[in-house]
C-alpha atoms as a PDB file:
ATOM      1  CA  UNK A   1       8.042   8.376  -1.209  1.00  0.00           C
ATOM      2  CA  UNK A   2       7.807   9.780  -4.691  1.00  0.00           C
ATOM      3  CA  UNK A   3       6.664   8.107  -7.901  1.00  0.00           C
ATOM      4  CA  UNK A   4       8.011   4.568  -8.044  1.00  0.00           C
ATOM      5  CA  UNK A   5      10.245   3.055 -10.676  1.00  0.00           C
ATOM      6  CA  UNK A   6       8.858  -0.054 -12.440  1.00  0.00           C
ATOM      7  CA  UNK A   7      11.265  -2.309 -10.564  1.00  0.00           C
ATOM      8  CA  UNK A   8      10.258  -1.024  -7.117  1.00  0.00           C
ATOM      9  CA  UNK A   9       8.788  -3.962  -5.136  1.00  0.00           C
ATOM     10  CA  UNK A  10       5.549  -2.116  -4.404  1.00  0.00           C
ATOM     11  CA  UNK A  11       5.139  -1.200  -8.063  1.00  0.00           C
ATOM     12  CA  UNK A  12       5.067  -4.847  -9.036  1.00  0.00           C
ATOM     13  CA  UNK A  13       2.395  -5.885  -6.540  1.00  0.00           C
ATOM     14  CA  UNK A  14      -0.087  -7.736  -8.779  1.00  0.00           C
ATOM     15  CA  UNK A  15      -2.885  -7.902  -6.228  1.00  0.00           C
ATOM     16  CA  UNK A  16      -3.148  -4.146  -5.632  1.00  0.00           C
ATOM     17  CA  UNK A  17      -2.580  -3.279  -9.291  1.00  0.00           C
ATOM     18  CA  UNK A  18      -5.210  -5.773 -10.420  1.00  0.00           C
ATOM     19  CA  UNK A  19      -7.669  -4.604  -7.775  1.00  0.00           C
ATOM     20  CA  UNK A  20      -7.360  -1.010  -8.953  1.00  0.00           C
ATOM     21  CA  UNK A  21      -7.801  -2.102 -12.566  1.00  0.00           C
ATOM     22  CA  UNK A  22     -10.946  -4.070 -11.660  1.00  0.00           C
ATOM     23  CA  UNK A  23     -12.418  -1.212  -9.666  1.00  0.00           C
ATOM     24  CA  UNK A  24     -11.728   1.349 -12.371  1.00  0.00           C
ATOM     25  CA  UNK A  25     -13.278  -0.956 -14.975  1.00  0.00           C
ATOM     26  CA  UNK A  26     -16.408  -1.466 -12.885  1.00  0.00           C
ATOM     27  CA  UNK A  27     -16.736   2.270 -12.218  1.00  0.00           C
ATOM     28  CA  UNK A  28     -16.389   2.956 -15.932  1.00  0.00           C
ATOM     29  CA  UNK A  29     -18.964   0.293 -16.779  1.00  0.00           C
ATOM     30  CA  UNK A  30     -21.468   1.644 -14.239  1.00  0.00           C
ATOM     31  CA  UNK A  31     -20.953   5.214 -15.458  1.00  0.00           C
ATOM     32  CA  UNK A  32     -21.527   4.251 -19.075  1.00  0.00           C
ATOM     33  CA  UNK A  33     -24.657   2.298 -18.115  1.00  0.00           C
ATOM     34  CA  UNK A  34     -25.955   5.473 -16.470  1.00  0.00           C
ATOM     35  CA  UNK A  35     -25.138   7.564 -19.531  1.00  0.00           C
ATOM     36  CA  UNK A  36     -22.279   9.343 -17.791  1.00  0.00           C
ATOM     37  CA  UNK A  37     -18.674   9.835 -18.921  1.00  0.00           C
ATOM     38  CA  UNK A  38     -16.003   7.893 -17.027  1.00  0.00           C
ATOM     39  CA  UNK A  39     -14.327  11.069 -15.797  1.00  0.00           C
ATOM     40  CA  UNK A  40     -17.471  12.034 -13.868  1.00  0.00           C
ATOM     41  CA  UNK A  41     -16.535   9.579 -11.106  1.00  0.00           C
ATOM     42  CA  UNK A  42     -13.442   9.908  -8.912  1.00  0.00           C
ATOM     43  CA  UNK A  43     -12.044   6.828  -7.190  1.00  0.00           C
ATOM     44  CA  UNK A  44     -11.082   7.652  -3.603  1.00  0.00           C
ATOM     45  CA  UNK A  45      -8.737   5.012  -2.182  1.00  0.00           C
ATOM     46  CA  UNK A  46      -9.335   4.597   1.547  1.00  0.00           C
ATOM     47  CA  UNK A  47      -5.982   3.909   3.168  1.00  0.00           C
ATOM     48  CA  UNK A  48      -6.793   3.867   6.879  1.00  0.00           C
ATOM     49  CA  UNK A  49      -4.740   1.161   8.652  1.00  0.00           C
ATOM     50  CA  UNK A  50      -3.011   0.215   5.389  1.00  0.00           C
ATOM     51  CA  UNK A  51       0.688  -0.626   5.259  1.00  0.00           C
ATOM     52  CA  UNK A  52       3.302   1.593   3.688  1.00  0.00           C
ATOM     53  CA  UNK A  53       3.770  -1.002   0.948  1.00  0.00           C
ATOM     54  CA  UNK A  54       0.065  -0.896   0.071  1.00  0.00           C
ATOM     55  CA  UNK A  55       0.128   2.891  -0.157  1.00  0.00           C
ATOM     56  CA  UNK A  56       3.215   2.831  -2.365  1.00  0.00           C
ATOM     57  CA  UNK A  57       1.578   0.225  -4.597  1.00  0.00           C
ATOM     58  CA  UNK A  58      -1.454   2.472  -5.003  1.00  0.00           C
ATOM     59  CA  UNK A  59       0.757   5.417  -5.905  1.00  0.00           C
ATOM     60  CA  UNK A  60       2.593   3.219  -8.390  1.00  0.00           C
ATOM     61  CA  UNK A  61      -0.586   2.595 -10.398  1.00  0.00           C
ATOM     62  CA  UNK A  62      -1.270   6.317 -10.619  1.00  0.00           C
ATOM     63  CA  UNK A  63      -3.741   6.732  -7.759  1.00  0.00           C
ATOM     64  CA  UNK A  64      -3.611  10.239  -6.315  1.00  0.00           C
ATOM     65  CA  UNK A  65      -6.910  10.719  -4.450  1.00  0.00           C
ATOM     66  CA  UNK A  66      -7.049   9.168  -0.997  1.00  0.00           C
ATOM     67  CA  UNK A  67      -9.449   9.133   1.953  1.00  0.00           C
ATOM     68  CA  UNK A  68      -8.475   8.915   5.593  1.00  0.00           C
ATOM     69  CA  UNK A  69     -10.549   8.578   8.753  1.00  0.00           C
ATOM     70  CA  UNK A  70      -8.231  10.016  11.401  1.00  0.00           C
ATOM     71  CA  UNK A  71      -6.154  13.176  11.311  1.00  0.00           C
ATOM     72  CA  UNK A  72      -3.219  11.868  13.343  1.00  0.00           C
ATOM     73  CA  UNK A  73      -2.904   8.627  11.381  1.00  0.00           C
ATOM     74  CA  UNK A  74      -3.108  10.554   8.124  1.00  0.00           C
ATOM     75  CA  UNK A  75      -0.385  12.968   9.212  1.00  0.00           C
ATOM     76  CA  UNK A  76       2.031  10.095   9.764  1.00  0.00           C
ATOM     77  CA  UNK A  77       1.204   8.552   6.401  1.00  0.00           C
ATOM     78  CA  UNK A  78       0.892  11.575   4.138  1.00  0.00           C
ATOM     79  CA  UNK A  79       2.770  14.643   5.429  1.00  0.00           C
ATOM     80  CA  UNK A  80       6.052  13.613   3.818  1.00  0.00           C
ATOM     81  CA  UNK A  81       4.441  12.346   0.648  1.00  0.00           C
ATOM     82  CA  UNK A  82       2.390  15.496   0.141  1.00  0.00           C
ATOM     83  CA  UNK A  83       5.555  17.573   0.140  1.00  0.00           C
ATOM     84  CA  UNK A  84       6.821  15.746  -2.967  1.00  0.00           C
ATOM     85  CA  UNK A  85       3.572  14.844  -4.743  1.00  0.00           C
ATOM     86  CA  UNK A  86       1.896  18.104  -5.798  1.00  0.00           C
ATOM     87  CA  UNK A  87      -1.052  16.303  -7.410  1.00  0.00           C
ATOM     88  CA  UNK A  88      -1.971  14.399  -4.252  1.00  0.00           C
ATOM     89  CA  UNK A  89      -5.563  14.961  -3.121  1.00  0.00           C
ATOM     90  CA  UNK A  90      -6.418  14.033   0.457  1.00  0.00           C
ATOM     91  CA  UNK A  91      -9.962  13.845   1.775  1.00  0.00           C
ATOM     92  CA  UNK A  92     -10.999  13.442   5.414  1.00  0.00           C
ATOM     93  CA  UNK A  93     -13.854  10.926   5.480  1.00  0.00           C
ATOM     94  CA  UNK A  94     -14.022  10.295   9.230  1.00  0.00           C
ATOM     95  CA  UNK A  95     -15.470  12.395  12.073  1.00  0.00           C
ATOM     96  CA  UNK A  96     -13.569  15.575  12.882  1.00  0.00           C
ATOM     97  CA  UNK A  97     -13.179  16.951  16.400  1.00  0.00           C
ATOM     98  CA  UNK A  98     -12.980  20.713  16.698  1.00  0.00           C
ATOM     99  CA  UNK A  99      -9.575  20.531  18.411  1.00  0.00           C
ATOM    100  CA  UNK A 100      -8.156  18.819  15.311  1.00  0.00           C
ATOM    101  CA  UNK A 101      -9.451  21.360  12.803  1.00  0.00           C
ATOM    102  CA  UNK A 102      -6.199  23.275  12.269  1.00  0.00           C
ATOM    103  CA  UNK A 103      -4.202  20.089  11.708  1.00  0.00           C
ATOM    104  CA  UNK A 104      -6.899  18.807   9.360  1.00  0.00           C
ATOM    105  CA  UNK A 105      -6.883  21.930   7.215  1.00  0.00           C
ATOM    106  CA  UNK A 106      -3.106  21.864   6.961  1.00  0.00           C
ATOM    107  CA  UNK A 107      -3.188  18.337   5.545  1.00  0.00           C
ATOM    108  CA  UNK A 108      -6.501  17.655   3.818  1.00  0.00           C
ATOM    109  CA  UNK A 109      -7.775  19.211   0.621  1.00  0.00           C
ATOM    110  CA  UNK A 110     -11.427  18.454   1.422  1.00  0.00           C
ATOM    111  CA  UNK A 111     -13.282  17.748   4.674  1.00  0.00           C
ATOM    112  CA  UNK A 112     -16.158  15.400   3.789  1.00  0.00           C
ATOM    113  CA  UNK A 113     -17.687  15.148   7.247  1.00  0.00           C
ATOM    114  CA  UNK A 114     -19.109  18.524   8.211  1.00  0.00           C
ATOM    115  CA  UNK A 115     -22.099  17.572  10.366  1.00  0.00           C
ATOM    116  CA  UNK A 116     -22.757  20.415  12.816  1.00  0.00           C
ATOM    117  CA  UNK A 117     -22.664  24.184  13.002  1.00  0.00           C
ATOM    118  CA  UNK A 118     -20.057  24.194  15.796  1.00  0.00           C
ATOM    119  CA  UNK A 119     -17.650  22.405  13.472  1.00  0.00           C
ATOM    120  CA  UNK A 120     -18.497  24.804  10.644  1.00  0.00           C
ATOM    121  CA  UNK A 121     -17.563  27.755  12.867  1.00  0.00           C
ATOM    122  CA  UNK A 122     -14.318  26.067  13.921  1.00  0.00           C
ATOM    123  CA  UNK A 123     -13.416  25.400  10.289  1.00  0.00           C
ATOM    124  CA  UNK A 124     -14.143  29.005   9.336  1.00  0.00           C
ATOM    125  CA  UNK A 125     -12.018  30.354  12.192  1.00  0.00           C
ATOM    126  CA  UNK A 126      -9.123  28.017  11.429  1.00  0.00           C
ATOM    127  CA  UNK A 127      -9.356  28.786   7.737  1.00  0.00           C
ATOM    128  CA  UNK A 128      -9.121  32.495   8.471  1.00  0.00           C
ATOM    129  CA  UNK A 129      -6.001  31.961  10.587  1.00  0.00           C
ATOM    130  CA  UNK A 130      -4.354  29.777   7.951  1.00  0.00           C
ATOM    131  CA  UNK A 131      -5.379  31.943   5.022  1.00  0.00           C
ATOM    132  CA  UNK A 132      -7.400  29.206   3.308  1.00  0.00           C
ATOM    133  CA  UNK A 133     -11.057  28.768   2.415  1.00  0.00           C
ATOM    134  CA  UNK A 134     -12.029  25.307   3.687  1.00  0.00           C
ATOM    135  CA  UNK A 135     -13.570  22.992   1.093  1.00  0.00           C
ATOM    136  CA  UNK A 136     -16.230  20.806   2.689  1.00  0.00           C
ATOM    137  CA  UNK A 137     -18.956  18.279   2.098  1.00  0.00           C
ATOM    138  CA  UNK A 138     -21.900  18.034   4.456  1.00  0.00           C
ATOM    139  CA  UNK A 139     -22.354  14.528   5.823  1.00  0.00           C
ATOM    140  CA  UNK A 140     -26.007  13.481   5.856  1.00  0.00           C
ATOM    141  CA  UNK A 141     -27.233  10.676   8.097  1.00  0.00           C
ATOM    142  CA  UNK A 142     -29.744   9.394   5.541  1.00  0.00           C
ATOM    143  CA  UNK A 143     -30.812   6.489   7.751  1.00  0.00           C
ATOM    144  CA  UNK A 144     -31.247   8.637  10.892  1.00  0.00           C
ATOM    145  CA  UNK A 145     -29.059   6.163  12.771  1.00  0.00           C
ATOM    146  CA  UNK A 146     -28.390   7.414  16.320  1.00  0.00           C
ATOM    147  CA  UNK A 147     -24.908   5.868  16.455  1.00  0.00           C
ATOM    148  CA  UNK A 148     -23.771   7.436  13.191  1.00  0.00           C
ATOM    149  CA  UNK A 149     -22.411  10.909  12.459  1.00  0.00           C
ATOM    150  CA  UNK A 150     -24.138  13.225  10.017  1.00  0.00           C
ATOM    151  CA  UNK A 151     -26.896  15.787  10.008  1.00  0.00           C
ATOM    152  CA  UNK A 152     -30.447  14.514   9.599  1.00  0.00           C
ATOM    153  CA  UNK A 153     -31.837  14.960   6.074  1.00  0.00           C
ATOM    154  CA  UNK A 154     -34.433  17.505   7.156  1.00  0.00           C
ATOM    155  CA  UNK A 155     -31.760  19.593   8.894  1.00  0.00           C
ATOM    156  CA  UNK A 156     -29.246  19.515   6.041  1.00  0.00           C
ATOM    157  CA  UNK A 157     -30.466  22.711   4.312  1.00  0.00           C
ATOM    158  CA  UNK A 158     -30.005  24.747   7.496  1.00  0.00           C
ATOM    159  CA  UNK A 159     -26.458  23.449   8.011  1.00  0.00           C
ATOM    160  CA  UNK A 160     -25.595  24.088   4.360  1.00  0.00           C
ATOM    161  CA  UNK A 161     -26.887  27.646   4.683  1.00  0.00           C
ATOM    162  CA  UNK A 162     -24.919  28.205   7.898  1.00  0.00           C
ATOM    163  CA  UNK A 163     -21.724  26.898   6.317  1.00  0.00           C
ATOM    164  CA  UNK A 164     -22.178  29.110   3.280  1.00  0.00           C
ATOM    165  CA  UNK A 165     -22.785  32.118   5.525  1.00  0.00           C
ATOM    166  CA  UNK A 166     -19.417  31.388   7.155  1.00  0.00           C
ATOM    167  CA  UNK A 167     -17.837  31.428   3.671  1.00  0.00           C
ATOM    168  CA  UNK A 168     -16.977  27.750   3.669  1.00  0.00           C
ATOM    169  CA  UNK A 169     -16.707  26.277   0.176  1.00  0.00           C
ATOM    170  CA  UNK A 170     -19.595  23.814   0.389  1.00  0.00           C
ATOM    171  CA  UNK A 171     -19.040  21.524  -2.604  1.00  0.00           C
ATOM    172  CA  UNK A 172     -21.484  18.704  -1.968  1.00  0.00           C
ATOM    173  CA  UNK A 173     -22.788  15.966   0.284  1.00  0.00           C
ATOM    174  CA  UNK A 174     -21.579  12.660   1.702  1.00  0.00           C
ATOM    175  CA  UNK A 175     -23.449   9.699   3.186  1.00  0.00           C
ATOM    176  CA  UNK A 176     -22.953   6.187   4.543  1.00  0.00           C
ATOM    177  CA  UNK A 177     -26.202   4.189   4.211  1.00  0.00           C
ATOM    178  CA  UNK A 178     -27.250   1.692   6.901  1.00  0.00           C
ATOM    179  CA  UNK A 179     -25.542  -1.658   6.380  1.00  0.00           C
ATOM    180  CA  UNK A 180     -28.804  -3.585   6.668  1.00  0.00           C
ATOM    181  CA  UNK A 181     -30.783  -1.577   4.112  1.00  0.00           C
ATOM    182  CA  UNK A 182     -30.699  -1.323   0.333  1.00  0.00           C
ATOM    183  CA  UNK A 183     -28.409   1.618  -0.471  1.00  0.00           C
ATOM    184  CA  UNK A 184     -30.296   2.870  -3.522  1.00  0.00           C
ATOM    185  CA  UNK A 185     -32.980   4.874  -1.712  1.00  0.00           C
ATOM    186  CA  UNK A 186     -30.324   6.514   0.471  1.00  0.00           C
ATOM    187  CA  UNK A 187     -28.266   7.503  -2.573  1.00  0.00           C
ATOM    188  CA  UNK A 188     -31.401   8.841  -4.241  1.00  0.00           C
ATOM    189  CA  UNK A 189     -32.214  10.918  -1.160  1.00  0.00           C
ATOM    190  CA  UNK A 190     -28.724  12.391  -1.053  1.00  0.00           C
ATOM    191  CA  UNK A 191     -28.884  13.249  -4.750  1.00  0.00           C
ATOM    192  CA  UNK A 192     -32.272  14.911  -4.248  1.00  0.00           C
ATOM    193  CA  UNK A 193     -30.970  17.105  -1.410  1.00  0.00           C
ATOM    194  CA  UNK A 194     -27.887  18.034  -3.441  1.00  0.00           C
ATOM    195  CA  UNK A 195     -29.947  19.010  -6.464  1.00  0.00           C
ATOM    196  CA  UNK A 196     -32.254  21.132  -4.325  1.00  0.00           C
ATOM    197  CA  UNK A 197     -29.261  22.925  -2.785  1.00  0.00           C
ATOM    198  CA  UNK A 198     -27.362  23.362  -6.050  1.00  0.00           C
ATOM    199  CA  UNK A 199     -24.486  21.099  -5.046  1.00  0.00           C
ATOM    200  CA  UNK A 200     -22.551  19.074  -7.602  1.00  0.00           C
ATOM    201  CA  UNK A 201     -20.448  16.659  -5.528  1.00  0.00           C
ATOM    202  CA  UNK A 202     -21.874  13.405  -4.168  1.00  0.00           C
ATOM    203  CA  UNK A 203     -19.484  11.255  -2.149  1.00  0.00           C
ATOM    204  CA  UNK A 204     -21.367   7.993  -1.768  1.00  0.00           C
ATOM    205  CA  UNK A 205     -20.712   4.344  -2.364  1.00  0.00           C
ATOM    206  CA  UNK A 206     -18.131   2.066  -0.795  1.00  0.00           C
ATOM    207  CA  UNK A 207     -16.674  -1.325  -1.652  1.00  0.00           C
ATOM    208  CA  UNK A 208     -19.985  -3.223  -1.482  1.00  0.00           C
ATOM    209  CA  UNK A 209     -22.239  -0.762  -3.281  1.00  0.00           C
ATOM    210  CA  UNK A 210     -20.195   1.653  -5.377  1.00  0.00           C
ATOM    211  CA  UNK A 211     -21.654   0.586  -8.719  1.00  0.00           C
ATOM    212  CA  UNK A 212     -25.142   1.323  -7.394  1.00  0.00           C
ATOM    213  CA  UNK A 213     -23.890   4.699  -6.153  1.00  0.00           C
ATOM    214  CA  UNK A 214     -22.532   5.564  -9.602  1.00  0.00           C
ATOM    215  CA  UNK A 215     -25.929   4.808 -11.127  1.00  0.00           C
ATOM    216  CA  UNK A 216     -27.508   7.238  -8.662  1.00  0.00           C
ATOM    217  CA  UNK A 217     -25.055  10.023  -9.488  1.00  0.00           C
ATOM    218  CA  UNK A 218     -22.011   9.554  -7.255  1.00  0.00           C
ATOM    219  CA  UNK A 219     -19.091  11.759  -8.220  1.00  0.00           C
ATOM    220  CA  UNK A 220     -16.749  10.177  -5.658  1.00  0.00           C
ATOM    221  CA  UNK A 221     -16.714   6.552  -4.476  1.00  0.00           C
ATOM    222  CA  UNK A 222     -14.708   5.565  -1.403  1.00  0.00           C
ATOM    223  CA  UNK A 223     -13.093   2.136  -1.732  1.00  0.00           C
ATOM    224  CA  UNK A 224     -10.955   0.351   0.830  1.00  0.00           C
ATOM    225  CA  UNK A 225     -11.344  -3.432   0.965  1.00  0.00           C
ATOM    226  CA  UNK A 226     -12.141  -3.627  -2.756  1.00  0.00           C
ATOM    227  CA  UNK A 227      -8.627  -2.314  -3.411  1.00  0.00           C
ATOM    228  CA  UNK A 228      -6.531  -3.564  -0.528  1.00  0.00           C
ATOM    229  CA  UNK A 229      -8.461  -6.560   0.783  1.00  0.00           C
ATOM    230  CA  UNK A 230     -10.012  -6.893   4.246  1.00  0.00           C
ATOM    231  CA  UNK A 231      -8.365  -4.767   6.901  1.00  0.00           C
ATOM    232  CA  UNK A 232      -6.427  -6.752   9.454  1.00  0.00           C
ATOM    233  CA  UNK A 233      -7.710  -6.354  12.998  1.00  0.00           C
ATOM    234  CA  UNK A 234      -5.305  -4.792  15.489  1.00  0.00           C
ATOM    235  CA  UNK A 235      -3.618  -7.209  17.826  1.00  0.00           C
ATOM    236  CA  UNK A 236      -5.280  -7.504  21.259  1.00  0.00           C
END
C-alpha cells in the first residue's frame, strides 16, 4: 500500500484518473475566475465506502489528502497506509463521538466536525494524554437544520472561543448547506464568520457545488462521487 508502479492495475484505472484530472481542472478554473491562485484550494477526496482499488487508484494519481466519515472505517482503510506514506493527510469530516476521540486523534490530522463544547473538552483531554495539540475546524449548521450536526451560526463565536481557551488549534470552519437551497448564501455566511474570527480555512463545497464554494473562498473542497462515481448502496 505504498506508491504504485505505472503497471499496477489500480494505477491504470482511466475512470478515476480522468475524474481527478477533471476535478482539478475545474477547481483551477474556478480559482482563477475568483482571482485566486490554484494552490489556494485543496482537493479532499472522500473515500467513505470506497473499495481498496479506488483508494489505490487515487494514490496513484498523486492524491494525498482524504476525508473520512467514520473513525472505525477509516482505521481499517488508512492505518497501514499512513505508516508508509508520510505525506498522507487525513481529515475527519463526519460526526465524532466523545468515546472515539483518542482513536480519532491517533489517525486523523484534522478534525473538521467540532460542534459542541463537550467534544472540545474531550479533544483537549485526549490531546494532552497523547502529547498532541488537536487541529480542528468548527462545523457550522448554516441552515439551522435540526437533523444536521454543527453549531448554529450565532453560537459559533462562543464555541470558537471555548476551543481556543482549551488550546485547541482552531484553523477554520466547515459547513454542509441544505440540499434544497442555493449554496452560495451559506458559503458567504461561513466566510463572513471566519473573517470575523480571524480564521483562514474554509472547508465547504462538495461534488455538486464545489466550484461555487471556490468562488466564495473555499480552501478545501470535499469530493466523493465526482471522483469515484455514485456510492453503491449496502446490500440489504
